[in-house]
N, C-alpha and C. Protein backbone atom coordinates (compact mmCIF):
# COMPACT_ATOMS: atom_id res chain seq x y z
N MET A 1 153.71 -63.69 -95.54
CA MET A 1 152.27 -63.69 -95.83
C MET A 1 151.58 -64.55 -94.79
N PRO A 2 150.52 -64.07 -94.18
CA PRO A 2 149.79 -64.86 -93.19
C PRO A 2 149.15 -66.11 -93.83
N ARG A 3 148.99 -67.13 -93.01
CA ARG A 3 148.34 -68.37 -93.45
C ARG A 3 147.03 -68.51 -92.67
N TYR A 4 146.01 -69.01 -93.36
CA TYR A 4 144.68 -69.13 -92.76
C TYR A 4 144.09 -70.51 -93.00
N LEU A 5 143.28 -70.96 -92.06
CA LEU A 5 142.47 -72.15 -92.22
C LEU A 5 141.05 -71.68 -92.46
N VAL A 6 140.47 -72.09 -93.57
CA VAL A 6 139.13 -71.64 -93.97
C VAL A 6 138.18 -72.85 -93.91
N GLN A 7 137.16 -72.75 -93.07
CA GLN A 7 136.16 -73.81 -92.98
C GLN A 7 134.97 -73.44 -93.86
N ARG A 8 134.53 -74.43 -94.64
CA ARG A 8 133.39 -74.23 -95.55
C ARG A 8 132.41 -75.38 -95.37
N THR A 9 131.14 -75.07 -95.41
CA THR A 9 130.10 -76.11 -95.38
C THR A 9 129.38 -76.11 -96.72
N PHE A 10 129.22 -77.30 -97.28
CA PHE A 10 128.52 -77.48 -98.56
C PHE A 10 127.28 -78.32 -98.29
N ALA A 11 126.13 -77.69 -98.27
CA ALA A 11 124.87 -78.37 -97.92
C ALA A 11 124.63 -79.59 -98.81
N ASP A 12 124.95 -79.47 -100.09
CA ASP A 12 124.73 -80.57 -101.02
C ASP A 12 125.99 -81.40 -101.26
N GLY A 13 127.05 -81.11 -100.51
CA GLY A 13 128.31 -81.82 -100.68
C GLY A 13 129.18 -81.15 -101.73
N LEU A 14 130.47 -81.39 -101.59
CA LEU A 14 131.46 -80.86 -102.53
C LEU A 14 131.89 -81.99 -103.44
N PHE A 15 131.47 -81.95 -104.66
CA PHE A 15 131.78 -83.00 -105.61
C PHE A 15 132.53 -82.40 -106.79
N ILE A 16 133.83 -82.66 -106.84
CA ILE A 16 134.68 -82.19 -107.94
C ILE A 16 135.08 -83.42 -108.73
N PRO A 17 134.66 -83.51 -109.98
CA PRO A 17 135.01 -84.70 -110.76
C PRO A 17 136.52 -84.82 -110.94
N VAL A 18 136.99 -86.05 -110.96
CA VAL A 18 138.42 -86.32 -111.14
C VAL A 18 138.66 -86.49 -112.65
N ASP A 19 138.55 -85.36 -113.35
CA ASP A 19 138.77 -85.36 -114.79
C ASP A 19 139.10 -83.92 -115.22
N GLY A 20 139.11 -83.68 -116.47
CA GLY A 20 139.44 -82.35 -116.98
C GLY A 20 138.49 -81.28 -116.48
N GLU A 21 137.22 -81.63 -116.33
CA GLU A 21 136.24 -80.66 -115.83
C GLU A 21 136.57 -80.24 -114.40
N GLY A 22 136.94 -81.21 -113.57
CA GLY A 22 137.31 -80.90 -112.19
C GLY A 22 138.58 -80.07 -112.12
N ALA A 23 139.55 -80.41 -112.97
CA ALA A 23 140.80 -79.65 -113.02
C ALA A 23 140.52 -78.20 -113.43
N LYS A 24 139.63 -78.03 -114.39
CA LYS A 24 139.28 -76.68 -114.84
C LYS A 24 138.60 -75.89 -113.72
N ALA A 25 137.72 -76.53 -112.97
CA ALA A 25 137.03 -75.86 -111.87
C ALA A 25 138.04 -75.40 -110.81
N CYS A 26 139.01 -76.24 -110.49
CA CYS A 26 140.03 -75.87 -109.50
C CYS A 26 140.90 -74.73 -110.02
N LEU A 27 141.27 -74.78 -111.28
CA LEU A 27 142.10 -73.73 -111.88
C LEU A 27 141.36 -72.39 -111.87
N GLU A 28 140.06 -72.42 -112.09
CA GLU A 28 139.27 -71.18 -112.05
C GLU A 28 139.30 -70.56 -110.65
N VAL A 29 139.26 -71.39 -109.61
CA VAL A 29 139.36 -70.87 -108.24
C VAL A 29 140.73 -70.25 -108.03
N VAL A 30 141.78 -70.95 -108.47
CA VAL A 30 143.15 -70.45 -108.33
C VAL A 30 143.30 -69.09 -109.03
N GLU A 31 142.77 -68.98 -110.23
CA GLU A 31 142.88 -67.73 -110.99
C GLU A 31 142.09 -66.61 -110.33
N GLU A 32 140.92 -66.90 -109.81
CA GLU A 32 140.10 -65.88 -109.14
C GLU A 32 140.81 -65.41 -107.87
N ASN A 33 141.37 -66.37 -107.11
CA ASN A 33 142.10 -66.03 -105.89
C ASN A 33 143.24 -65.07 -106.17
N ALA A 34 143.95 -65.28 -107.26
CA ALA A 34 145.12 -64.47 -107.60
C ALA A 34 144.76 -62.99 -107.73
N LYS A 35 143.55 -62.71 -108.14
CA LYS A 35 143.10 -61.32 -108.27
C LYS A 35 143.07 -60.59 -106.94
N TYR A 36 143.02 -61.37 -105.84
CA TYR A 36 142.94 -60.80 -104.50
C TYR A 36 144.22 -61.05 -103.69
N GLY A 37 145.26 -61.56 -104.36
CA GLY A 37 146.52 -61.84 -103.68
C GLY A 37 146.44 -63.04 -102.76
N VAL A 38 145.52 -63.96 -103.04
CA VAL A 38 145.25 -65.12 -102.21
C VAL A 38 145.74 -66.38 -102.92
N THR A 39 146.36 -67.30 -102.16
CA THR A 39 146.86 -68.56 -102.71
C THR A 39 146.24 -69.74 -101.97
N TRP A 40 145.62 -70.63 -102.71
CA TRP A 40 145.06 -71.86 -102.16
C TRP A 40 146.20 -72.86 -102.05
N VAL A 41 146.55 -73.29 -100.84
CA VAL A 41 147.65 -74.21 -100.62
C VAL A 41 147.18 -75.65 -100.77
N HIS A 42 146.18 -76.06 -100.01
CA HIS A 42 145.55 -77.37 -100.15
C HIS A 42 144.31 -77.42 -99.26
N SER A 43 143.55 -78.48 -99.40
CA SER A 43 142.31 -78.63 -98.64
C SER A 43 142.16 -80.04 -98.11
N TYR A 44 141.37 -80.15 -97.05
CA TYR A 44 140.94 -81.43 -96.50
C TYR A 44 139.42 -81.44 -96.59
N VAL A 45 138.85 -82.59 -96.94
CA VAL A 45 137.40 -82.69 -97.10
C VAL A 45 136.90 -83.83 -96.22
N SER A 46 135.80 -83.60 -95.51
CA SER A 46 135.22 -84.64 -94.66
C SER A 46 134.77 -85.82 -95.52
N PRO A 47 134.69 -87.02 -94.93
CA PRO A 47 134.30 -88.20 -95.71
C PRO A 47 132.96 -88.05 -96.43
N ASP A 48 132.02 -87.34 -95.83
CA ASP A 48 130.72 -87.14 -96.48
C ASP A 48 130.71 -85.96 -97.44
N LYS A 49 131.86 -85.30 -97.58
CA LYS A 49 132.06 -84.18 -98.50
C LYS A 49 131.19 -82.96 -98.19
N SER A 50 130.75 -82.84 -96.94
CA SER A 50 129.91 -81.70 -96.58
C SER A 50 130.70 -80.52 -96.02
N VAL A 51 131.93 -80.80 -95.56
CA VAL A 51 132.75 -79.75 -94.95
C VAL A 51 134.17 -79.83 -95.52
N SER A 52 134.72 -78.68 -95.83
CA SER A 52 136.13 -78.65 -96.23
C SER A 52 136.89 -77.71 -95.30
N TYR A 53 138.17 -78.01 -95.13
CA TYR A 53 139.09 -77.20 -94.36
C TYR A 53 140.23 -76.87 -95.32
N CYS A 54 140.32 -75.61 -95.69
CA CYS A 54 141.25 -75.20 -96.74
C CYS A 54 142.34 -74.33 -96.15
N VAL A 55 143.57 -74.60 -96.55
CA VAL A 55 144.70 -73.80 -96.12
C VAL A 55 144.99 -72.78 -97.22
N TYR A 56 145.02 -71.51 -96.81
CA TYR A 56 145.23 -70.41 -97.74
C TYR A 56 146.31 -69.48 -97.23
N ASP A 57 147.06 -68.90 -98.13
CA ASP A 57 147.94 -67.78 -97.83
C ASP A 57 147.27 -66.55 -98.42
N GLY A 58 147.31 -65.45 -97.68
CA GLY A 58 146.69 -64.23 -98.18
C GLY A 58 146.99 -63.05 -97.29
N PRO A 59 146.73 -61.86 -97.80
CA PRO A 59 147.06 -60.66 -97.04
C PRO A 59 146.16 -60.41 -95.83
N SER A 60 144.90 -60.92 -95.86
CA SER A 60 143.97 -60.65 -94.76
C SER A 60 142.76 -61.57 -94.88
N PRO A 61 142.02 -61.73 -93.78
CA PRO A 61 140.76 -62.47 -93.87
C PRO A 61 139.78 -61.83 -94.87
N ALA A 62 139.79 -60.51 -94.94
CA ALA A 62 138.89 -59.82 -95.90
C ALA A 62 139.21 -60.23 -97.33
N ALA A 63 140.48 -60.33 -97.68
CA ALA A 63 140.87 -60.74 -99.04
C ALA A 63 140.42 -62.17 -99.31
N ILE A 64 140.53 -63.03 -98.32
CA ILE A 64 140.09 -64.43 -98.48
C ILE A 64 138.57 -64.47 -98.70
N ARG A 65 137.83 -63.68 -97.93
CA ARG A 65 136.37 -63.64 -98.10
C ARG A 65 135.98 -63.10 -99.47
N GLU A 66 136.66 -62.05 -99.92
CA GLU A 66 136.36 -61.47 -101.23
C GLU A 66 136.64 -62.47 -102.35
N ALA A 67 137.75 -63.18 -102.25
CA ALA A 67 138.09 -64.19 -103.27
C ALA A 67 137.07 -65.32 -103.26
N ALA A 68 136.66 -65.75 -102.07
CA ALA A 68 135.66 -66.81 -101.97
C ALA A 68 134.33 -66.38 -102.57
N GLN A 69 133.93 -65.15 -102.28
CA GLN A 69 132.67 -64.64 -102.83
C GLN A 69 132.74 -64.60 -104.36
N ALA A 70 133.87 -64.15 -104.90
CA ALA A 70 134.02 -64.08 -106.36
C ALA A 70 133.98 -65.46 -107.00
N ALA A 71 134.45 -66.48 -106.25
CA ALA A 71 134.47 -67.85 -106.78
C ALA A 71 133.21 -68.64 -106.37
N ASN A 72 132.25 -67.96 -105.76
CA ASN A 72 131.00 -68.59 -105.30
C ASN A 72 131.26 -69.74 -104.32
N LEU A 73 132.20 -69.52 -103.40
CA LEU A 73 132.50 -70.52 -102.38
C LEU A 73 132.04 -70.02 -101.02
N PRO A 74 131.43 -70.89 -100.22
CA PRO A 74 131.00 -70.47 -98.89
C PRO A 74 132.20 -70.30 -97.95
N VAL A 75 132.03 -69.50 -96.93
CA VAL A 75 133.02 -69.33 -95.87
C VAL A 75 132.27 -69.33 -94.54
N ASP A 76 132.58 -70.32 -93.69
CA ASP A 76 131.99 -70.37 -92.35
C ASP A 76 132.88 -69.66 -91.35
N GLN A 77 134.18 -69.92 -91.47
CA GLN A 77 135.12 -69.38 -90.48
C GLN A 77 136.50 -69.27 -91.11
N ILE A 78 137.22 -68.22 -90.73
CA ILE A 78 138.61 -68.02 -91.15
C ILE A 78 139.43 -67.84 -89.88
N THR A 79 140.47 -68.65 -89.74
CA THR A 79 141.34 -68.58 -88.58
C THR A 79 142.79 -68.46 -89.03
N GLU A 80 143.49 -67.46 -88.54
CA GLU A 80 144.91 -67.37 -88.84
C GLU A 80 145.63 -68.48 -88.09
N VAL A 81 146.55 -69.18 -88.77
CA VAL A 81 147.25 -70.32 -88.18
C VAL A 81 148.75 -70.23 -88.44
N ARG A 82 149.48 -70.99 -87.64
CA ARG A 82 150.92 -71.14 -87.82
C ARG A 82 151.24 -72.62 -87.76
N VAL A 83 152.33 -73.02 -88.38
CA VAL A 83 152.71 -74.43 -88.43
C VAL A 83 153.28 -74.88 -87.09
N LEU A 84 152.81 -76.02 -86.63
CA LEU A 84 153.37 -76.70 -85.48
C LEU A 84 153.38 -78.18 -85.84
N ASP A 85 154.54 -78.79 -85.83
CA ASP A 85 154.60 -80.22 -86.12
C ASP A 85 155.49 -80.91 -85.10
N PRO A 86 155.42 -82.24 -85.01
CA PRO A 86 156.16 -82.97 -83.97
C PRO A 86 157.67 -82.96 -84.19
N TYR A 87 158.12 -82.51 -85.32
CA TYR A 87 159.56 -82.50 -85.61
C TYR A 87 160.21 -81.19 -85.22
N PHE A 88 159.40 -80.26 -84.71
CA PHE A 88 159.90 -78.96 -84.31
C PHE A 88 161.02 -79.07 -83.28
N TYR A 89 160.92 -80.05 -82.38
CA TYR A 89 161.86 -80.16 -81.28
C TYR A 89 163.10 -81.00 -81.59
N HIS A 90 163.22 -81.50 -82.80
CA HIS A 90 164.37 -82.36 -83.17
C HIS A 90 165.45 -81.57 -83.85
């Protein structure tokens, strides 16, 4: 399955409460993604919470966009990526 880096901009910031409500919001995204064969692996968020960089597995960029639209999440850019780490050569 291809892996993608998804960049999102949140004009008002991305604020997910660290409680049951936040957990429920994340689970709803996971469940919506599953309908499109998309898996949210993890995300990085800028210190000001205005931009996120999310790692996703999915069949295509179109599937990632459709899942994002269904979950009311913005998408600025989708880039197919592969893992490269410093331990590759050891």
